[in-house]
Protein backbone atom coordinates (compact mmCIF):
# COMPACT_ATOMS: atom_id res chain seq x y z
CA MET A 1 121.99 99.21 71.46
CA ARG A 2 122.34 97.18 74.63
CA THR A 3 123.95 98.12 77.95
CA PHE A 4 126.00 95.63 79.95
CA GLU A 5 126.56 96.62 83.56
CA TYR A 6 129.39 95.34 85.75
CA ARG A 7 130.53 95.99 89.29
CA LEU A 8 133.74 98.03 89.59
CA ARG A 9 136.26 97.28 92.32
CA PRO A 10 138.54 100.33 92.43
CA THR A 11 141.27 100.72 95.02
CA LYS A 12 141.13 103.53 97.56
CA ALA A 13 143.40 105.69 95.41
CA GLN A 14 141.35 104.97 92.28
CA GLU A 15 138.12 105.76 94.13
CA GLN A 16 139.53 109.12 95.22
CA ALA A 17 140.59 109.83 91.62
CA LEU A 18 137.09 108.98 90.38
CA MET A 19 135.53 111.30 92.95
CA ARG A 20 137.85 114.14 91.94
CA THR A 21 136.98 113.58 88.28
CA LEU A 22 133.27 113.48 89.07
CA LEU A 23 133.50 116.76 90.98
CA ALA A 24 135.54 118.47 88.26
CA SER A 25 133.18 117.35 85.46
CA ARG A 26 130.18 118.66 87.41
CA LYS A 27 131.85 122.05 87.90
CA MET A 28 132.65 122.16 84.20
CA TYR A 29 129.04 121.30 83.28
CA ASN A 30 127.68 124.09 85.47
CA ALA A 31 130.22 126.60 84.14
CA CYS A 32 129.42 125.73 80.52
CA LEU A 33 125.69 126.02 81.23
CA GLU A 34 126.30 129.48 82.69
CA ASP A 35 128.24 130.41 79.53
CA LEU A 36 125.36 129.30 77.31
CA ILE A 37 122.78 131.28 79.28
CA THR A 38 124.95 134.42 79.39
CA HIS A 39 125.74 134.22 75.68
CA TYR A 40 122.06 133.92 74.78
CA LYS A 41 121.12 136.88 76.99
CA GLU A 42 123.80 139.06 75.44
CA THR A 43 123.48 138.07 71.77
CA GLY A 44 120.12 136.34 71.47
CA LYS A 45 121.85 133.42 69.73
CA TYR A 46 122.69 129.88 70.73
CA LEU A 47 126.40 129.20 71.34
CA HIS A 48 127.38 126.26 69.13
CA LEU A 49 129.11 123.21 70.59
CA TYR A 50 132.33 123.59 68.60
CA GLU A 51 132.52 127.31 69.31
CA GLN A 52 132.24 126.68 73.05
CA ASP A 53 134.70 123.80 72.86
CA LYS A 54 137.45 126.24 71.83
CA HIS A 55 137.31 127.85 75.29
CA HIS A 56 137.33 124.60 77.26
CA GLY A 57 140.56 122.80 76.49
CA LYS A 58 143.39 121.38 78.52
CA GLU A 59 144.38 124.82 79.83
CA ALA A 60 140.90 125.55 81.18
CA HIS A 61 140.46 122.09 82.73
CA PRO A 62 143.84 120.58 83.60
CA ASP A 63 142.25 118.19 86.11
CA LEU A 64 140.03 116.51 83.48
CA PRO A 65 141.00 114.13 80.67
CA ALA A 66 140.27 115.51 77.20
CA VAL A 67 137.74 112.76 76.53
CA LEU A 68 135.63 113.79 79.54
CA VAL A 69 135.73 117.45 78.48
CA ASP A 70 134.25 116.46 75.11
CA THR A 71 131.58 114.09 76.48
CA THR A 72 130.50 116.55 79.20
CA LEU A 73 130.02 119.30 76.62
CA LYS A 74 128.07 116.96 74.36
CA ARG A 75 125.79 115.96 77.27
CA LEU A 76 125.03 119.63 77.92
CA HIS A 77 124.28 120.48 74.29
CA ARG A 78 122.21 117.31 73.89
CA SER A 79 119.97 118.49 76.72
CA PHE A 80 119.55 121.87 74.98
CA THR A 81 118.71 120.12 71.70
CA ASN A 82 116.04 118.06 73.45
CA PHE A 83 114.63 121.19 75.10
CA PHE A 84 114.26 123.09 71.82
CA ARG A 85 112.87 120.03 70.04
CA GLY A 86 110.23 119.75 72.75
CA LEU A 87 109.24 123.39 72.21
CA LYS A 88 108.77 122.79 68.49
CA GLU A 89 106.75 119.62 69.01
CA GLY A 90 104.65 121.05 71.84
CA ARG A 91 106.00 118.62 74.43
CA LYS A 92 106.99 119.66 77.95
CA ILE A 93 110.74 119.12 78.35
CA GLY A 94 112.50 120.93 81.16
CA PHE A 95 115.23 123.51 80.65
CA PRO A 96 118.74 122.20 81.50
CA ARG A 97 119.50 122.64 85.19
CA PHE A 98 122.60 123.33 87.19
CA LYS A 99 123.73 120.05 88.76
CA GLY A 100 124.08 119.66 92.50
CA ALA A 101 126.38 117.15 94.18
CA THR A 102 123.61 114.51 94.37
CA ALA A 103 122.39 115.04 90.80
CA TRP A 104 125.65 114.24 89.01
CA ASN A 105 126.87 110.67 89.34
CA THR A 106 128.03 109.63 85.85
CA ILE A 107 131.14 110.16 83.77
CA GLN A 108 131.02 109.05 80.15
CA PHE A 109 133.79 108.02 77.80
CA ARG A 110 133.80 108.24 74.04
CA ASP A 111 135.15 105.23 72.14
CA ALA A 112 137.03 101.95 72.30
CA ALA A 113 140.15 103.57 73.78
CA ASN A 114 138.44 103.21 77.17
CA CYS A 115 137.08 99.68 77.15
CA LEU A 116 136.98 96.38 79.00
CA ASP A 117 140.21 94.39 78.64
CA ASN A 118 140.92 91.07 80.42
CA GLY A 119 138.83 91.89 83.47
CA ARG A 120 140.12 95.45 83.71
CA PHE A 121 138.65 98.74 82.52
CA LYS A 122 141.15 100.99 80.77
CA ALA A 123 140.35 104.40 82.26
CA PRO A 124 142.52 107.52 81.80
CA LEU A 125 145.28 107.96 84.37
CA GLN A 126 143.51 110.99 85.89
CA CYS A 127 140.51 108.72 86.56
CA GLY A 128 142.64 106.06 88.25
CA GLY A 129 144.02 104.00 85.36
CA ARG A 130 143.20 100.30 84.90
CA MET A 131 140.45 99.17 87.34
CA ARG A 132 139.33 95.70 88.30
CA VAL A 133 135.88 94.72 87.06
CA ILE A 134 133.71 91.76 88.07
CA VAL A 135 132.86 90.40 84.62
CA HIS A 136 129.90 88.12 85.39
CA ARG A 137 128.92 87.78 81.70
CA PRO A 138 130.72 88.43 78.41
CA LEU A 139 130.06 91.42 76.20
CA GLU A 140 128.02 90.91 73.03
CA GLY A 141 128.12 92.80 69.77
CA THR A 142 130.32 95.78 68.92
CA PHE A 143 131.57 97.94 71.79
CA LYS A 144 130.66 101.63 71.37
CA PHE A 145 131.38 103.54 74.57
CA ALA A 146 131.41 103.19 78.36
CA ARG A 147 130.13 104.99 81.43
CA ILE A 148 131.13 104.87 85.09
CA VAL A 149 128.20 105.34 87.47
CA LEU A 150 128.30 106.03 91.20
CA ARG A 151 125.42 104.49 93.15
CA PRO A 152 124.77 104.13 96.89
CA SER A 153 126.07 100.55 96.70
CA GLY A 154 129.31 101.50 94.92
CA TRP A 155 130.82 102.08 91.48
CA TYR A 156 129.50 100.43 88.32
CA LEU A 157 130.74 100.17 84.75
CA GLN A 158 128.24 100.35 81.88
CA CYS A 159 129.39 99.17 78.46
CA VAL A 160 127.10 100.17 75.59
CA CYS A 161 127.30 97.78 72.65
CA GLU A 162 125.59 97.56 69.29
CA THR A 163 124.11 94.07 69.25
CA PRO A 164 122.50 92.28 66.32
CA PRO A 165 118.89 91.09 66.73
CA HIS A 166 118.34 87.57 68.03
CA PRO A 167 115.08 86.44 66.37
CA LEU A 168 113.25 83.55 67.97
CA LEU A 169 111.38 80.83 66.14
CA LYS A 170 108.14 82.25 64.78
CA LYS A 171 104.94 81.21 66.54
CA GLU A 172 101.30 81.45 65.54
CA ASN A 173 99.88 82.46 68.92
CA ALA A 174 98.87 85.75 70.52
CA VAL A 175 98.07 87.00 74.00
CA GLY A 176 96.42 90.05 75.55
CA LEU A 177 97.81 91.56 78.75
CA ASP A 178 95.83 93.53 81.31
CA MET A 179 98.07 95.43 83.73
CA GLY A 180 96.70 96.17 87.17
CA ILE A 181 97.42 96.61 90.84
CA ARG A 182 95.89 93.52 92.37
CA TYR A 183 97.78 91.45 89.78
CA LEU A 184 100.78 92.85 87.98
CA VAL A 185 99.66 91.17 84.74
CA ALA A 186 96.60 89.07 83.88
CA ASP A 187 96.61 87.57 80.40
CA SER A 188 93.87 86.34 78.08
CA ASN A 189 94.75 82.69 78.77
CA GLY A 190 93.86 82.96 82.44
CA HIS A 191 97.45 83.16 83.73
CA ILE A 192 98.38 85.84 86.24
CA ILE A 193 101.59 87.33 87.60
CA ASP A 194 101.22 88.50 91.18
CA ASN A 195 102.15 92.06 92.05
CA PRO A 196 105.10 91.82 94.52
CA LYS A 197 104.47 95.38 95.80
CA HIS A 198 108.14 95.88 96.59
CA ALA A 199 107.80 99.47 97.78
CA ARG A 200 104.90 98.64 100.11
CA LYS A 201 106.75 95.68 101.65
CA THR A 202 109.82 97.83 102.33
CA ALA A 203 107.83 100.88 103.45
CA LYS A 204 108.30 100.24 107.20
CA ARG A 205 112.05 99.80 106.92
CA LEU A 206 112.28 102.88 104.73
CA ALA A 207 110.16 105.00 107.09
CA HIS A 208 112.30 103.92 110.05
CA ALA A 209 115.50 104.85 108.17
CA GLN A 210 114.05 108.20 107.13
CA ARG A 211 113.06 109.04 110.73
CA ASN A 212 116.60 108.27 111.85
CA LEU A 213 117.92 110.54 109.11
CA ALA A 214 115.60 113.37 110.16
CA ARG A 215 116.92 113.21 113.76
CA CYS A 216 120.57 113.51 112.75
CA LYS A 217 122.36 116.82 112.89
CA LYS A 218 123.15 118.26 109.46
CA GLY A 219 126.79 117.84 108.47
CA SER A 220 127.45 115.11 111.04
CA HIS A 221 129.04 111.74 110.32
CA ARG A 222 125.95 109.91 111.59
CA ARG A 223 123.78 111.83 109.12
CA LYS A 224 125.98 110.69 106.24
CA LYS A 225 125.60 107.07 107.34
CA ALA A 226 121.83 107.44 107.77
CA LYS A 227 121.52 109.13 104.38
CA LYS A 228 123.42 106.30 102.71
CA LYS A 229 121.16 103.73 104.36
CA VAL A 230 118.04 105.45 102.97
CA ALA A 231 119.61 105.59 99.52
CA ARG A 232 120.54 101.90 99.67
CA LEU A 233 116.93 100.98 100.49
CA HIS A 234 115.65 102.97 97.51
CA GLU A 235 118.21 101.27 95.27
CA HIS A 236 117.20 97.86 96.63
CA ILE A 237 113.53 98.51 95.82
CA ALA A 238 114.41 99.66 92.29
CA ASN A 239 116.54 96.56 91.69
CA GLN A 240 113.75 94.27 92.90
CA ARG A 241 111.24 95.98 90.63
CA LYS A 242 113.50 95.76 87.57
CA ASP A 243 114.16 92.07 88.22
CA THR A 244 110.44 91.28 88.39
CA LEU A 245 109.62 93.24 85.22
CA HIS A 246 112.52 91.76 83.26
CA LYS A 247 111.43 88.21 84.12
CA ALA A 248 107.77 88.88 83.33
CA SER A 249 108.49 90.57 79.98
CA ARG A 250 110.94 87.83 78.99
CA SER A 251 108.40 85.08 79.67
CA TYR A 252 105.79 86.67 77.37
CA VAL A 253 108.26 87.50 74.59
CA ASP A 254 109.56 83.92 74.62
CA GLY A 255 106.10 82.40 74.65
CA TYR A 256 104.02 84.48 72.21
CA GLN A 257 104.41 85.93 68.72
CA THR A 258 101.88 88.77 69.15
CA ILE A 259 101.36 90.62 72.43
CA ALA A 260 98.55 93.14 72.87
CA VAL A 261 98.79 95.65 75.74
CA GLU A 262 96.86 98.70 76.89
CA ASP A 263 98.09 102.11 75.76
CA LEU A 264 97.94 103.57 79.27
CA GLN A 265 98.82 107.21 79.94
CA VAL A 266 100.65 106.53 83.19
CA SER A 267 101.90 110.11 83.58
CA ASN A 268 98.28 111.28 83.73
CA MET A 269 97.12 108.46 85.99
CA VAL A 270 99.66 109.18 88.74
CA ARG A 271 98.12 112.64 89.21
CA ASN A 272 95.58 110.93 91.44
CA HIS A 273 97.35 111.27 94.79
CA CYS A 274 95.41 108.35 96.24
CA LEU A 275 96.78 105.94 93.64
CA ALA A 276 100.12 107.45 92.63
CA PHE A 277 102.11 105.25 95.06
CA VAL A 278 100.65 101.91 93.97
CA ILE A 279 100.72 102.82 90.26
CA ALA A 280 104.37 103.86 90.46
CA ASP A 281 105.18 100.69 92.41
CA ALA A 282 103.59 98.54 89.69
CA SER A 283 105.63 100.38 86.99
CA TRP A 284 103.37 99.69 84.00
CA GLY A 285 105.35 102.02 81.76
CA MET A 286 108.65 100.28 82.54
CA PHE A 287 107.06 96.88 81.89
CA ARG A 288 105.86 98.01 78.46
CA GLN A 289 109.28 99.48 77.67
CA TYR A 290 111.02 96.19 78.52
CA LEU A 291 108.41 94.27 76.56
CA GLU A 292 108.87 96.34 73.40
CA ALA A 293 112.68 96.26 73.59
CA LYS A 294 112.80 92.47 73.96
CA ALA A 295 110.15 91.98 71.27
CA GLU A 296 112.07 94.09 68.77
CA SER A 297 115.19 91.97 69.21
CA ALA A 298 113.25 88.68 69.14
CA GLY A 299 111.13 89.47 66.08
CA ARG A 300 107.84 89.63 68.01
CA GLN A 301 104.98 92.15 67.73
CA VAL A 302 103.73 94.36 70.55
CA ILE A 303 100.45 96.15 69.82
CA ALA A 304 99.20 98.96 72.06
CA VAL A 305 95.42 99.39 72.01
CA ARG A 306 93.01 101.87 73.58
CA PRO A 307 92.05 100.84 77.13
CA HIS A 308 88.48 102.19 76.96
CA TYR A 309 85.82 99.93 78.52
CA THR A 310 87.94 96.77 78.39
CA SER A 311 86.63 95.78 81.84
CA GLN A 312 83.01 96.76 81.11
CA THR A 313 82.62 94.89 77.80
CA CYS A 314 81.86 91.18 77.63
CA SER A 315 84.59 89.45 75.63
CA GLN A 316 82.15 86.74 74.49
CA CYS A 317 79.15 88.67 73.16
CA GLY A 318 80.42 92.27 73.12
CA GLU A 319 77.62 93.64 75.31
CA SER A 320 78.34 96.31 77.89
CA VAL A 321 78.16 95.02 81.48
CA GLU A 322 78.69 97.84 83.96
CA LYS A 323 80.31 96.90 87.24
CA SER A 324 81.95 98.75 90.11
CA LEU A 325 85.62 98.38 90.89
CA SER A 326 84.86 96.17 93.90
CA VAL A 327 83.31 93.52 91.64
CA ARG A 328 86.16 91.21 90.67
CA THR A 329 84.14 88.67 88.65
CA HIS A 330 82.61 89.35 85.25
CA VAL A 331 79.12 87.84 84.94
CA CYS A 332 77.37 88.59 81.64
CA PRO A 333 73.55 88.60 81.93
CA PHE A 334 73.22 88.39 78.13
CA CYS A 335 75.28 85.29 77.26
CA GLY A 336 76.03 83.87 80.71
CA TYR A 337 79.82 84.13 80.36
CA ILE A 338 81.61 84.12 83.74
CA ALA A 339 85.29 84.97 84.15
CA ASP A 340 87.68 86.93 86.30
CA ARG A 341 87.38 90.67 85.67
CA ASP A 342 91.01 91.03 84.61
CA GLU A 343 90.92 87.96 82.36
CA ASN A 344 87.84 89.34 80.59
CA ALA A 345 89.65 92.66 80.08
CA ALA A 346 92.71 90.84 78.71
CA ARG A 347 90.53 89.01 76.19
CA ASN A 348 89.07 92.31 74.99
CA ILE A 349 92.60 93.73 74.68
CA LEU A 350 93.62 90.71 72.59
CA GLN A 351 90.62 91.12 70.27
CA ARG A 352 91.44 94.79 69.70
CA GLY A 353 95.08 93.94 69.11
CA LEU A 354 94.22 91.34 66.49
CA GLN A 355 91.97 93.87 64.74
CA VAL A 356 94.85 96.37 64.60
CA LEU A 357 97.19 93.65 63.33
CA ALA A 358 94.73 92.73 60.56
CA ARG A 359 94.55 96.38 59.42
CA THR A 360 98.24 97.27 59.62
CA GLY A 361 100.12 93.99 59.08
CA PRO A 362 103.00 92.54 61.12
CA SER A 363 105.60 94.81 62.67
CA SER A 364 107.76 94.88 65.78
CA SER A 365 105.53 97.46 67.48
CA ARG A 366 102.10 98.90 66.70
CA ARG A 367 99.88 101.47 68.32
CA GLU A 368 96.16 101.83 67.79
CA GLY A 369 95.05 105.12 66.27
CA PRO A 370 93.21 107.91 68.11
CA GLU A 371 89.77 107.17 69.48
CA GLN A 372 86.65 108.24 67.66
CA SER A 373 85.08 111.51 68.68
CA GLY A 374 82.07 109.90 70.31
CA GLU A 375 83.99 107.85 72.87
CA SER A 376 84.73 108.98 76.38
CA PRO A 377 88.23 108.98 77.93
CA SER A 378 89.60 105.88 79.56
CA VAL A 379 88.57 104.95 83.08
CA LEU A 380 91.35 105.30 85.60
CA LYS A 381 92.48 102.02 87.12
CA ARG A 382 91.64 102.29 90.79
CA GLU A 383 91.91 98.75 92.06
CA ALA A 384 92.99 99.01 95.66
CA ALA A 385 95.80 96.74 96.76
CA GLY A 386 93.50 94.76 99.01
CA LEU A 387 90.80 94.03 96.42
């Protein structure tokens, strides 16, 4: 599945219709969630989707198209399914919440009846009818369904399509990637991608906008404008970060057949309040997600290996060379090998990845097995931004 996003250009009347639909679908979601909770308290059983759907038809929601009634109910029951699956698997997945006005910004359609047609999106009449779309690139694959998303910068259309894989010519090379804070990525060939630090560069502008928002009186027109400005800055940072990660992941997928990365537990690493900001700004998890998605379509292999002692081990002789985080150059006293600290770590990651590949064989994505009982947990990456 692949999502194609386009900018919507609704008229004033269409924008008002979209806002009314968004408000009505949120009220319906909250009401249905209340029904589920009440039914479980009274009977001790889960209210099935099709049983609940009987009570939420055109009579109950005359201001909503039938397609949005169905998709809103399915979104609610999907969240319950995920919650119960998490309980069975021992994973922490939150219970479905009631949605506030700022937590509900998407309406989803069901099939090809609401699709892109000659630069217009065919929405139901209650949602505004046919809307103009800026089609900056054509759709690929088979159209499945569409979503309309409200963001601080305006309305967007997302078309989800089932696309066939686009395998690239097979190569015989491999690379190891070390993700960090000083450099976004340092690979085993000595190439680096600088960390743009988008959030840090925009921090002053964001802090100034947030101070202005804090001074405004609640409910005032000026507060609405200040709140929108803060939201636009957050969206701008997110777009910059996604652009950087997409370009970096695309360059490695195009250039290498096998890519070895560290299997970092980012959710645990951001618990360190001193490093949470810079780790989140680097977005290692998002980079790996983009890398694996592009590799799967291109016929490449991404191998995740354990990150233990990759910086402390010499990639030439395998001896352990302890060094503090302030030491940025690896100097091995045993074999005399000298290299950048991150490049040495990337070489170790590549060696581990090739070992996993030799044991398991080629595949689109591999993950190294659990560590042996005698090894200690991974060392948290604590490279300060100025190192």
